[in-house]
Protein backbone atom coordinates (compact mmCIF):
# COMPACT_ATOMS: atom_id res chain seq x y z
CA MET A 1 76.97 101.80 101.23
CA GLU A 2 80.16 102.55 99.33
CA LYS A 3 83.21 100.35 99.55
CA PHE A 4 86.25 101.83 101.27
CA GLY A 5 89.80 101.59 99.96
CA ILE A 6 93.17 102.64 101.30
CA TYR A 7 96.49 102.76 99.53
CA GLY A 8 99.29 103.15 102.04
CA LYS A 9 103.06 103.12 102.28
CA LEU A 10 104.84 101.80 105.36
CA ILE A 11 108.53 102.57 105.68
CA ALA A 12 110.73 100.09 107.50
CA LYS A 13 113.93 100.92 109.27
CA GLU A 14 117.02 100.19 107.18
CA GLY A 15 117.27 96.48 106.39
CA GLU A 16 113.88 95.58 107.91
CA ARG A 17 111.64 95.71 104.81
CA GLU A 18 111.32 91.94 104.42
CA GLN A 19 110.39 91.52 108.09
CA LEU A 20 107.76 94.26 107.77
CA ALA A 21 106.40 92.66 104.59
CA ALA A 22 106.19 89.29 106.39
CA ILE A 23 104.19 90.85 109.24
CA LEU A 24 101.81 92.49 106.75
CA LEU A 25 101.39 89.19 104.91
CA GLU A 26 100.46 87.64 108.27
CA ALA A 27 97.85 90.40 108.59
CA ALA A 28 96.52 89.47 105.16
CA GLU A 29 96.31 85.84 106.20
CA SER A 30 94.50 86.72 109.43
CA LEU A 31 91.87 88.56 107.38
CA GLN A 32 91.09 85.62 105.07
CA LYS A 33 87.85 84.77 106.89
CA HIS A 34 86.94 88.39 107.62
CA VAL A 35 84.25 88.87 104.95
CA GLU A 36 84.27 92.66 105.21
CA CYS A 37 87.87 92.69 103.99
CA GLU A 38 87.57 92.22 100.25
CA LEU A 39 91.21 92.79 99.29
CA TYR A 40 94.47 93.14 101.20
CA LEU A 41 97.45 93.30 98.87
CA VAL A 42 101.04 93.67 100.09
CA SER A 43 103.69 94.85 97.60
CA VAL A 44 107.26 96.12 97.47
CA ALA A 45 108.94 98.31 94.85
CA PRO A 46 112.47 97.41 93.72
CA GLU A 47 113.53 101.07 93.64
CA ASP A 48 112.42 101.72 97.24
CA PRO A 49 114.36 99.32 99.52
CA ASN A 50 112.59 100.29 102.75
CA ALA A 51 108.96 100.67 101.66
CA VAL A 52 106.06 98.22 101.76
CA TYR A 53 102.82 99.19 100.05
CA VAL A 54 99.39 97.95 101.13
CA TYR A 55 96.18 98.27 99.13
CA GLU A 56 93.06 97.41 101.11
CA VAL A 57 89.40 97.25 100.07
CA TRP A 58 86.69 96.96 102.71
CA SER A 59 82.91 96.69 102.54
CA SER A 60 82.77 100.02 104.41
CA GLU A 61 84.94 102.46 106.32
CA SER A 62 83.41 101.28 109.61
CA ALA A 63 84.41 97.67 108.80
CA HIS A 64 87.99 98.86 108.37
CA GLN A 65 87.90 100.76 111.67
CA GLU A 66 86.49 97.72 113.47
CA SER A 67 89.29 95.53 112.08
CA LEU A 68 91.84 97.73 113.83
CA THR A 69 90.38 96.68 117.19
CA LEU A 70 90.79 92.94 116.57
CA GLU A 71 93.24 91.21 118.91
CA SER A 72 95.10 89.67 115.95
CA THR A 73 95.48 93.10 114.33
CA GLN A 74 96.67 94.70 117.57
CA THR A 75 99.25 91.94 118.05
CA LEU A 76 100.66 92.45 114.56
CA ILE A 77 100.74 96.24 115.01
CA GLN A 78 102.79 95.79 118.20
CA ARG A 79 105.22 93.51 116.36
CA ALA A 80 105.62 96.01 113.51
CA LYS A 81 106.11 99.16 115.60
CA PRO A 82 109.79 98.57 116.49
CA ILE A 83 110.80 98.25 112.83
CA LEU A 84 108.66 101.09 111.44
CA ALA A 85 110.35 104.32 110.43
CA GLY A 86 107.19 105.94 109.07
CA MET A 87 103.80 105.58 107.43
CA GLU A 88 101.98 107.47 104.71
CA ARG A 89 98.39 107.17 103.53
CA ILE A 90 98.89 107.72 99.83
CA SER A 91 95.18 107.87 99.14
CA THR A 92 91.74 106.99 100.42
CA LEU A 93 89.68 105.54 97.58
CA VAL A 94 86.13 104.56 96.68
CA PRO A 95 86.53 101.28 94.77
CA ARG A 96 83.97 100.79 92.00
CA GLY A 97 84.78 97.22 90.95
CA GLY A 98 87.07 95.17 88.76
CA LYS A 99 88.80 91.83 88.79
CA GLY A 100 89.17 90.60 92.35
CA LEU A 101 86.30 92.63 93.76
């Protein structure tokens, strides 16, 4: 089974980027013991004051889908919704390996 990767961009409402990043870092922390989640990286770009980027690697696409049904994930999604202005899936990827995987 191939690994499943997602590179996404979440856009916060004006002035809410740090709060959105904090929520996504909580999501990363909640996935620490979830063995199917192999990487969950949260980043910001200095030139884009409202965007938060997330790169995720999962053991499979179904593992990713299942994670979206977790109570902890649903709670964080509900907290993020009021400060989200938009979302974009930059790419769906098939990770092959490298440092950290």
